[in-house]
């Protein structure tokens, strides 16, 4: 059996990782006219970082009245000023920068799909329910080799 402190740390980490991914997905998918579903990962971390962190803290604080466990989460993040502080806290490797941590969180998110672009540091994000755009050669990327073969041979 694990120590209660370790379980609590894991709960805080998992909750913050999940909520960070959800908030970023919501922010960038709702602003498709502005971003055209492109996200500059450096700008995503440092542009309006204080506002984004306050929105996350506000969400945790408001829901802590309903779910008692969220008070421990709020106590952990209440002193964070910027979202970069949160991402540094969530980093599994102390050598990773906040941009790398955010990219890992978004790649593991069930809400969006991340695609590379030709521009370094800029990624294309799509809602999961959307079809992946066709590549320049007309092929569509599919997860399994069977589907990829079937699509490519049509």
N, C-alpha and C. Protein backbone atom coordinates (compact mmCIF):
# COMPACT_ATOMS: atom_id res chain seq x y z
N UNK A 1 0.84 -1.18 0.00
CA UNK A 1 0.00 0.00 0.00
C UNK A 1 0.89 1.25 0.00
N UNK A 2 0.48 2.24 -0.79
CA UNK A 2 1.27 3.46 -0.91
C UNK A 2 0.99 4.42 0.24
N UNK A 3 1.95 5.25 0.52
CA UNK A 3 1.78 6.27 1.55
C UNK A 3 0.74 7.29 1.10
N UNK A 4 -0.06 7.81 2.02
CA UNK A 4 -1.08 8.80 1.64
C UNK A 4 -0.49 10.05 0.99
N UNK A 5 0.71 10.45 1.40
CA UNK A 5 1.34 11.63 0.80
C UNK A 5 1.63 11.40 -0.68
N UNK A 6 2.09 10.19 -0.99
CA UNK A 6 2.41 9.86 -2.39
C UNK A 6 1.14 9.83 -3.24
N UNK A 7 0.06 9.27 -2.69
CA UNK A 7 -1.22 9.26 -3.41
C UNK A 7 -1.72 10.67 -3.64
N UNK A 8 -1.57 11.52 -2.64
CA UNK A 8 -2.01 12.91 -2.75
C UNK A 8 -1.20 13.64 -3.81
N UNK A 9 0.11 13.44 -3.83
CA UNK A 9 0.97 14.05 -4.85
C UNK A 9 0.56 13.60 -6.25
N UNK A 10 0.29 12.33 -6.39
CA UNK A 10 -0.11 11.79 -7.69
C UNK A 10 -1.46 12.38 -8.12
N UNK A 11 -2.39 12.51 -7.18
CA UNK A 11 -3.70 13.10 -7.48
C UNK A 11 -3.53 14.54 -7.95
N UNK A 12 -2.73 15.32 -7.23
CA UNK A 12 -2.51 16.73 -7.59
C UNK A 12 -1.89 16.82 -8.98
N UNK A 13 -0.87 16.02 -9.23
CA UNK A 13 -0.19 16.05 -10.52
C UNK A 13 -1.15 15.67 -11.65
N UNK A 14 -1.87 14.57 -11.49
CA UNK A 14 -2.79 14.12 -12.54
C UNK A 14 -3.89 15.14 -12.79
N UNK A 15 -4.44 15.70 -11.72
CA UNK A 15 -5.50 16.68 -11.88
C UNK A 15 -5.00 17.92 -12.62
N UNK A 16 -3.85 18.44 -12.20
CA UNK A 16 -3.31 19.65 -12.84
C UNK A 16 -2.93 19.40 -14.29
N UNK A 17 -2.40 18.24 -14.57
CA UNK A 17 -2.04 17.91 -15.95
C UNK A 17 -3.30 17.85 -16.82
N UNK A 18 -4.34 17.23 -16.30
CA UNK A 18 -5.58 17.09 -17.06
C UNK A 18 -6.25 18.45 -17.28
N UNK A 19 -6.33 19.25 -16.24
CA UNK A 19 -7.00 20.54 -16.37
C UNK A 19 -6.21 21.49 -17.26
N UNK A 20 -4.88 21.43 -17.22
CA UNK A 20 -4.06 22.27 -18.09
C UNK A 20 -4.31 21.91 -19.55
N UNK A 21 -4.33 20.63 -19.85
CA UNK A 21 -4.62 20.20 -21.22
C UNK A 21 -6.01 20.62 -21.67
N UNK A 22 -6.99 20.49 -20.80
CA UNK A 22 -8.37 20.88 -21.15
C UNK A 22 -8.49 22.37 -21.39
N UNK A 23 -7.89 23.18 -20.52
CA UNK A 23 -7.96 24.63 -20.69
C UNK A 23 -7.27 25.07 -21.97
N UNK A 24 -6.09 24.54 -22.24
CA UNK A 24 -5.39 24.93 -23.47
C UNK A 24 -6.15 24.48 -24.71
N UNK A 25 -6.72 23.30 -24.67
CA UNK A 25 -7.52 22.84 -25.80
C UNK A 25 -8.70 23.77 -26.02
N UNK A 26 -9.37 24.14 -24.95
CA UNK A 26 -10.51 25.05 -25.06
C UNK A 26 -10.09 26.41 -25.59
N UNK A 27 -9.00 26.97 -25.05
CA UNK A 27 -8.56 28.30 -25.47
C UNK A 27 -8.18 28.33 -26.94
N UNK A 28 -7.49 27.32 -27.42
CA UNK A 28 -7.00 27.37 -28.79
C UNK A 28 -7.98 26.82 -29.81
N UNK A 29 -8.87 25.95 -29.41
CA UNK A 29 -9.86 25.46 -30.37
C UNK A 29 -11.00 26.45 -30.52
N UNK A 30 -11.26 27.26 -29.50
CA UNK A 30 -12.33 28.26 -29.58
C UNK A 30 -11.89 29.48 -30.37
N UNK A 31 -10.61 29.66 -30.57
CA UNK A 31 -10.12 30.84 -31.29
C UNK A 31 -9.59 30.45 -32.66
N UNK A 32 -10.33 29.58 -33.35
CA UNK A 32 -9.84 29.09 -34.65
C UNK A 32 -9.72 30.20 -35.68
N UNK A 33 -10.58 31.24 -35.62
CA UNK A 33 -10.49 32.33 -36.59
C UNK A 33 -9.17 33.07 -36.43
N UNK A 34 -8.72 33.21 -35.19
CA UNK A 34 -7.48 33.93 -34.92
C UNK A 34 -6.27 33.05 -35.22
N UNK A 35 -6.30 31.83 -34.73
CA UNK A 35 -5.11 30.98 -34.80
C UNK A 35 -5.08 30.07 -36.02
N UNK A 36 -6.23 29.89 -36.68
CA UNK A 36 -6.34 28.95 -37.80
C UNK A 36 -5.85 27.57 -37.37
N UNK A 37 -6.13 27.22 -36.11
CA UNK A 37 -5.73 25.96 -35.49
C UNK A 37 -4.22 25.78 -35.40
N UNK A 38 -3.46 26.86 -35.51
CA UNK A 38 -2.02 26.79 -35.30
C UNK A 38 -1.69 27.32 -33.92
N UNK A 39 -0.71 26.72 -33.28
CA UNK A 39 -0.30 27.16 -31.95
C UNK A 39 1.21 27.32 -31.93
N UNK A 40 1.65 28.52 -31.61
CA UNK A 40 3.07 28.77 -31.37
C UNK A 40 3.31 28.41 -29.92
N UNK A 41 4.07 27.38 -29.67
CA UNK A 41 4.19 26.81 -28.33
C UNK A 41 4.85 27.80 -27.36
N UNK A 42 5.79 28.60 -27.83
CA UNK A 42 6.42 29.61 -26.96
C UNK A 42 5.41 30.68 -26.57
N UNK A 43 4.65 31.15 -27.55
CA UNK A 43 3.63 32.16 -27.28
C UNK A 43 2.52 31.60 -26.39
N UNK A 44 2.20 30.33 -26.56
CA UNK A 44 1.15 29.71 -25.74
C UNK A 44 1.53 29.69 -24.27
N UNK A 45 2.80 29.59 -23.98
CA UNK A 45 3.25 29.56 -22.59
C UNK A 45 3.38 30.97 -22.02
N UNK A 46 3.97 31.88 -22.77
CA UNK A 46 4.34 33.18 -22.20
C UNK A 46 3.38 34.31 -22.51
N UNK A 47 2.51 34.18 -23.51
CA UNK A 47 1.55 35.23 -23.82
C UNK A 47 0.35 35.09 -22.89
N UNK A 48 0.07 36.11 -22.12
CA UNK A 48 -1.05 36.13 -21.17
C UNK A 48 -0.93 35.01 -20.14
N UNK A 49 0.29 34.67 -19.75
CA UNK A 49 0.53 33.58 -18.81
C UNK A 49 -0.09 33.81 -17.45
N UNK A 50 -0.09 35.06 -17.01
CA UNK A 50 -0.67 35.38 -15.70
C UNK A 50 -2.19 35.19 -15.75
N UNK A 51 -2.82 35.64 -16.83
CA UNK A 51 -4.27 35.49 -16.98
C UNK A 51 -4.66 34.01 -17.01
N UNK A 52 -3.91 33.22 -17.77
CA UNK A 52 -4.21 31.79 -17.87
C UNK A 52 -4.06 31.10 -16.52
N UNK A 53 -3.03 31.47 -15.77
CA UNK A 53 -2.83 30.86 -14.46
C UNK A 53 -3.95 31.25 -13.51
N UNK A 54 -4.40 32.49 -13.59
CA UNK A 54 -5.51 32.94 -12.73
C UNK A 54 -6.79 32.19 -13.07
N UNK A 55 -7.02 31.91 -14.34
CA UNK A 55 -8.23 31.16 -14.74
C UNK A 55 -8.17 29.73 -14.19
N UNK A 56 -7.01 29.12 -14.23
CA UNK A 56 -6.86 27.76 -13.69
C UNK A 56 -7.06 27.77 -12.18
N UNK A 57 -6.45 28.74 -11.50
CA UNK A 57 -6.61 28.83 -10.04
C UNK A 57 -8.06 29.10 -9.67
N UNK A 58 -8.72 29.96 -10.44
CA UNK A 58 -10.13 30.27 -10.17
C UNK A 58 -10.99 29.02 -10.31
N UNK A 59 -10.74 28.24 -11.34
CA UNK A 59 -11.50 27.01 -11.56
C UNK A 59 -11.31 26.05 -10.39
N UNK A 60 -10.08 25.86 -9.97
CA UNK A 60 -9.79 24.94 -8.86
C UNK A 60 -10.44 25.45 -7.58
N UNK A 61 -10.32 26.75 -7.32
CA UNK A 61 -10.88 27.33 -6.09
C UNK A 61 -12.40 27.18 -6.04
N UNK A 62 -13.06 27.50 -7.15
CA UNK A 62 -14.53 27.41 -7.18
C UNK A 62 -15.01 25.97 -7.00
N UNK A 63 -14.31 25.02 -7.57
CA UNK A 63 -14.73 23.63 -7.46
C UNK A 63 -14.29 22.97 -6.16
N UNK A 64 -13.39 23.62 -5.44
CA UNK A 64 -12.95 23.07 -4.15
C UNK A 64 -14.07 23.08 -3.12
N UNK A 65 -15.03 23.97 -3.29
CA UNK A 65 -16.17 24.00 -2.37
C UNK A 65 -17.06 22.78 -2.57
N UNK A 66 -17.01 22.20 -3.75
CA UNK A 66 -17.82 21.02 -4.06
C UNK A 66 -17.04 19.74 -3.77
N UNK A 67 -15.77 19.73 -4.17
CA UNK A 67 -14.92 18.55 -4.00
C UNK A 67 -13.79 18.90 -3.03
N UNK A 68 -13.84 18.35 -1.86
CA UNK A 68 -12.88 18.67 -0.79
C UNK A 68 -11.42 18.42 -1.18
N UNK A 69 -11.17 17.41 -2.01
CA UNK A 69 -9.78 17.08 -2.37
C UNK A 69 -9.10 18.20 -3.15
N UNK A 70 -9.90 19.05 -3.77
CA UNK A 70 -9.32 20.13 -4.57
C UNK A 70 -8.67 21.22 -3.73
N UNK A 71 -8.96 21.23 -2.43
CA UNK A 71 -8.28 22.21 -1.58
C UNK A 71 -6.78 21.95 -1.54
N UNK A 72 -6.39 20.69 -1.57
CA UNK A 72 -4.95 20.39 -1.59
C UNK A 72 -4.32 20.84 -2.90
N UNK A 73 -5.08 20.71 -3.99
CA UNK A 73 -4.58 21.17 -5.29
C UNK A 73 -4.43 22.69 -5.25
N UNK A 74 -5.44 23.36 -4.73
CA UNK A 74 -5.38 24.83 -4.66
C UNK A 74 -4.22 25.30 -3.79
N UNK A 75 -4.00 24.64 -2.66
CA UNK A 75 -2.89 25.02 -1.79
C UNK A 75 -1.55 24.87 -2.51
N UNK A 76 -1.47 23.90 -3.39
CA UNK A 76 -0.22 23.66 -4.12
C UNK A 76 0.04 24.74 -5.17
N UNK A 77 -1.02 25.27 -5.80
CA UNK A 77 -0.83 26.19 -6.93
C UNK A 77 -1.12 27.65 -6.60
N UNK A 78 -1.58 27.95 -5.41
CA UNK A 78 -2.03 29.32 -5.12
C UNK A 78 -0.92 30.36 -5.25
N UNK A 79 0.33 29.97 -5.10
CA UNK A 79 1.44 30.92 -5.20
C UNK A 79 2.03 31.04 -6.60
N UNK A 80 1.55 30.24 -7.54
CA UNK A 80 2.06 30.33 -8.91
C UNK A 80 1.57 31.63 -9.54
N UNK A 81 2.48 32.35 -10.17
CA UNK A 81 2.13 33.62 -10.81
C UNK A 81 1.81 33.45 -12.29
N UNK A 82 2.62 32.67 -12.97
CA UNK A 82 2.48 32.48 -14.42
C UNK A 82 2.19 31.02 -14.71
N UNK A 83 1.63 30.76 -15.89
CA UNK A 83 1.38 29.38 -16.28
C UNK A 83 2.71 28.64 -16.47
N UNK A 84 3.78 29.37 -16.75
CA UNK A 84 5.10 28.74 -16.87
C UNK A 84 5.52 28.11 -15.54
N UNK A 85 5.11 28.72 -14.42
CA UNK A 85 5.41 28.15 -13.10
C UNK A 85 4.70 26.81 -12.94
N UNK A 86 3.45 26.76 -13.37
CA UNK A 86 2.68 25.51 -13.30
C UNK A 86 3.33 24.44 -14.18
N UNK A 87 3.73 24.82 -15.38
CA UNK A 87 4.34 23.86 -16.29
C UNK A 87 5.69 23.37 -15.77
N UNK A 88 6.43 24.24 -15.10
CA UNK A 88 7.69 23.80 -14.49
C UNK A 88 7.41 22.81 -13.36
N UNK A 89 6.34 23.04 -12.62
CA UNK A 89 5.94 22.13 -11.54
C UNK A 89 5.53 20.77 -12.11
N UNK A 90 4.84 20.79 -13.26
CA UNK A 90 4.35 19.55 -13.87
C UNK A 90 5.41 18.81 -14.67
N UNK A 91 6.54 19.42 -14.90
CA UNK A 91 7.58 18.79 -15.71
C UNK A 91 8.10 17.53 -15.03
N UNK A 92 8.12 16.45 -15.79
CA UNK A 92 8.63 15.18 -15.25
C UNK A 92 10.15 15.16 -15.23
N UNK A 93 10.75 16.04 -16.01
CA UNK A 93 12.21 16.12 -16.08
C UNK A 93 12.62 17.56 -15.77
N UNK A 94 13.46 17.79 -14.79
CA UNK A 94 13.83 19.16 -14.45
C UNK A 94 14.56 19.90 -15.57
N UNK A 95 15.05 19.18 -16.56
CA UNK A 95 15.74 19.81 -17.69
C UNK A 95 14.78 20.31 -18.76
N UNK A 96 13.52 19.88 -18.70
CA UNK A 96 12.55 20.30 -19.71
C UNK A 96 12.10 21.73 -19.47
N UNK A 97 11.94 22.46 -20.55
CA UNK A 97 11.43 23.82 -20.45
C UNK A 97 9.90 23.76 -20.40
N UNK A 98 9.24 24.84 -19.99
CA UNK A 98 7.77 24.84 -19.94
C UNK A 98 7.11 24.54 -21.29
N UNK A 99 7.74 24.96 -22.38
CA UNK A 99 7.17 24.68 -23.70
C UNK A 99 7.12 23.18 -23.96
N UNK A 100 8.18 22.48 -23.61
CA UNK A 100 8.23 21.02 -23.80
C UNK A 100 7.18 20.33 -22.95
N UNK A 101 7.01 20.80 -21.72
CA UNK A 101 6.01 20.21 -20.83
C UNK A 101 4.61 20.42 -21.39
N UNK A 102 4.32 21.64 -21.87
CA UNK A 102 3.00 21.91 -22.44
C UNK A 102 2.77 21.04 -23.67
N UNK A 103 3.76 20.90 -24.50
CA UNK A 103 3.62 20.07 -25.69
C UNK A 103 3.35 18.62 -25.32
N UNK A 104 4.02 18.10 -24.30
CA UNK A 104 3.75 16.73 -23.84
C UNK A 104 2.34 16.60 -23.30
N UNK A 105 1.88 17.58 -22.55
CA UNK A 105 0.51 17.54 -22.01
C UNK A 105 -0.50 17.55 -23.13
N UNK A 106 -0.30 18.41 -24.12
CA UNK A 106 -1.25 18.49 -25.23
C UNK A 106 -1.23 17.23 -26.08
N UNK A 107 -0.06 16.64 -26.26
CA UNK A 107 0.01 15.41 -27.04
C UNK A 107 -0.70 14.26 -26.34
N UNK A 108 -0.75 14.27 -25.02
CA UNK A 108 -1.43 13.22 -24.27
C UNK A 108 -2.91 13.53 -24.05
N UNK A 109 -3.34 14.70 -24.45
CA UNK A 109 -4.73 15.10 -24.24
C UNK A 109 -5.65 14.30 -25.15
N UNK A 110 -6.81 13.97 -24.64
CA UNK A 110 -7.79 13.25 -25.44
C UNK A 110 -8.68 14.20 -26.23
N UNK A 111 -8.53 15.51 -26.02
CA UNK A 111 -9.39 16.49 -26.68
C UNK A 111 -8.85 16.95 -28.03
N UNK A 112 -7.54 16.92 -28.20
CA UNK A 112 -6.96 17.47 -29.42
C UNK A 112 -5.88 16.55 -29.97
N UNK A 113 -5.55 16.83 -31.21
CA UNK A 113 -4.48 16.11 -31.91
C UNK A 113 -3.45 17.16 -32.32
N UNK A 114 -2.18 16.87 -32.13
CA UNK A 114 -1.09 17.79 -32.46
C UNK A 114 -0.39 17.29 -33.72
N UNK A 115 -0.23 18.18 -34.68
CA UNK A 115 0.50 17.86 -35.91
C UNK A 115 1.66 18.84 -36.06
N UNK A 116 2.78 18.36 -36.55
CA UNK A 116 3.93 19.23 -36.81
C UNK A 116 3.67 20.06 -38.05
N UNK A 117 4.30 21.24 -38.11
CA UNK A 117 4.25 22.08 -39.30
C UNK A 117 5.68 22.30 -39.78
N UNK A 118 5.81 23.04 -40.86
CA UNK A 118 7.14 23.35 -41.39
C UNK A 118 7.86 24.41 -40.56
N UNK A 119 7.12 25.14 -39.75
CA UNK A 119 7.69 26.23 -38.95
C UNK A 119 8.10 25.68 -37.58
N UNK A 120 9.36 25.85 -37.18
CA UNK A 120 9.79 25.35 -35.87
C UNK A 120 9.03 26.03 -34.73
N UNK A 121 8.55 25.24 -33.79
CA UNK A 121 7.84 25.78 -32.64
C UNK A 121 6.37 26.05 -32.87
N UNK A 122 5.89 25.85 -34.09
CA UNK A 122 4.48 26.06 -34.41
C UNK A 122 3.87 24.71 -34.76
N UNK A 123 2.74 24.42 -34.15
CA UNK A 123 2.07 23.14 -34.35
C UNK A 123 0.63 23.38 -34.75
N UNK A 124 0.07 22.43 -35.44
CA UNK A 124 -1.34 22.50 -35.83
C UNK A 124 -2.11 21.65 -34.84
N UNK A 125 -3.19 22.21 -34.30
CA UNK A 125 -4.02 21.47 -33.36
C UNK A 125 -5.39 21.28 -33.98
N UNK A 126 -5.93 20.10 -33.80
CA UNK A 126 -7.25 19.78 -34.33
C UNK A 126 -8.07 19.10 -33.26
N UNK A 127 -9.37 19.36 -33.25
CA UNK A 127 -10.22 18.59 -32.34
C UNK A 127 -10.16 17.12 -32.73
N UNK A 128 -10.33 16.24 -31.78
CA UNK A 128 -10.22 14.81 -32.04
C UNK A 128 -11.27 14.35 -33.04
N UNK A 129 -12.45 14.93 -33.01
CA UNK A 129 -13.53 14.47 -33.88
C UNK A 129 -13.33 14.87 -35.33
N UNK A 130 -12.37 15.78 -35.63
CA UNK A 130 -12.16 16.20 -37.00
C UNK A 130 -11.28 15.22 -37.76
N UNK A 131 -11.50 15.14 -39.05
CA UNK A 131 -10.68 14.32 -39.93
C UNK A 131 -9.31 14.97 -40.08
N UNK A 132 -8.27 14.19 -40.08
CA UNK A 132 -6.93 14.72 -40.29
C UNK A 132 -6.83 15.19 -41.74
N UNK A 133 -6.29 16.37 -41.97
CA UNK A 133 -6.22 16.88 -43.34
C UNK A 133 -5.31 16.00 -44.20
N UNK A 134 -5.63 15.95 -45.49
CA UNK A 134 -4.83 15.17 -46.43
C UNK A 134 -3.45 15.79 -46.57
N UNK A 135 -2.47 14.95 -46.75
CA UNK A 135 -1.11 15.42 -46.95
C UNK A 135 -0.95 15.91 -48.38
N UNK A 136 0.19 16.50 -48.68
CA UNK A 136 0.41 17.06 -50.01
C UNK A 136 0.30 16.01 -51.11
N UNK A 137 0.66 14.76 -50.78
CA UNK A 137 0.59 13.71 -51.78
C UNK A 137 -0.80 13.09 -51.87
N UNK A 138 -1.76 13.63 -51.12
CA UNK A 138 -3.13 13.14 -51.18
C UNK A 138 -3.44 12.03 -50.21
N UNK A 139 -2.44 11.52 -49.52
CA UNK A 139 -2.67 10.43 -48.56
C UNK A 139 -3.16 11.01 -47.24
N UNK A 140 -3.90 10.20 -46.53
CA UNK A 140 -4.38 10.59 -45.21
C UNK A 140 -3.71 9.68 -44.21
N UNK A 141 -3.17 10.27 -43.16
CA UNK A 141 -2.51 9.49 -42.13
C UNK A 141 -3.57 8.81 -41.27
N UNK A 142 -3.41 7.53 -41.04
CA UNK A 142 -4.29 6.78 -40.14
C UNK A 142 -3.41 6.07 -39.13
N UNK A 143 -3.98 5.76 -37.98
CA UNK A 143 -3.18 5.18 -36.90
C UNK A 143 -2.67 3.78 -37.22
N UNK A 144 -3.50 2.94 -37.80
CA UNK A 144 -3.07 1.57 -38.04
C UNK A 144 -2.54 1.42 -39.46
N UNK A 145 -1.65 0.49 -39.63
CA UNK A 145 -1.09 0.24 -40.97
C UNK A 145 -2.15 -0.30 -41.92
N UNK A 146 -3.11 -1.06 -41.40
CA UNK A 146 -4.17 -1.59 -42.26
C UNK A 146 -4.98 -0.45 -42.83
N UNK A 147 -5.41 0.48 -41.98
CA UNK A 147 -6.19 1.62 -42.45
C UNK A 147 -5.36 2.49 -43.37
N UNK A 148 -4.10 2.67 -43.06
CA UNK A 148 -3.25 3.50 -43.90
C UNK A 148 -3.11 2.87 -45.28
N UNK A 149 -2.91 1.57 -45.32
CA UNK A 149 -2.79 0.88 -46.59
C UNK A 149 -4.10 0.98 -47.38
N UNK A 150 -5.23 0.79 -46.69
CA UNK A 150 -6.53 0.85 -47.34
C UNK A 150 -6.78 2.24 -47.91
N UNK A 151 -6.48 3.29 -47.14
CA UNK A 151 -6.71 4.66 -47.58
C UNK A 151 -5.77 5.02 -48.72
N UNK A 152 -4.52 4.61 -48.61
CA UNK A 152 -3.53 4.97 -49.62
C UNK A 152 -3.77 4.26 -50.94
N UNK A 153 -4.43 3.13 -50.93
CA UNK A 153 -4.65 2.37 -52.16
C UNK A 153 -6.00 2.65 -52.79
N UNK A 154 -6.77 3.59 -52.29
CA UNK A 154 -8.07 3.93 -52.90
C UNK A 154 -7.88 4.71 -54.15
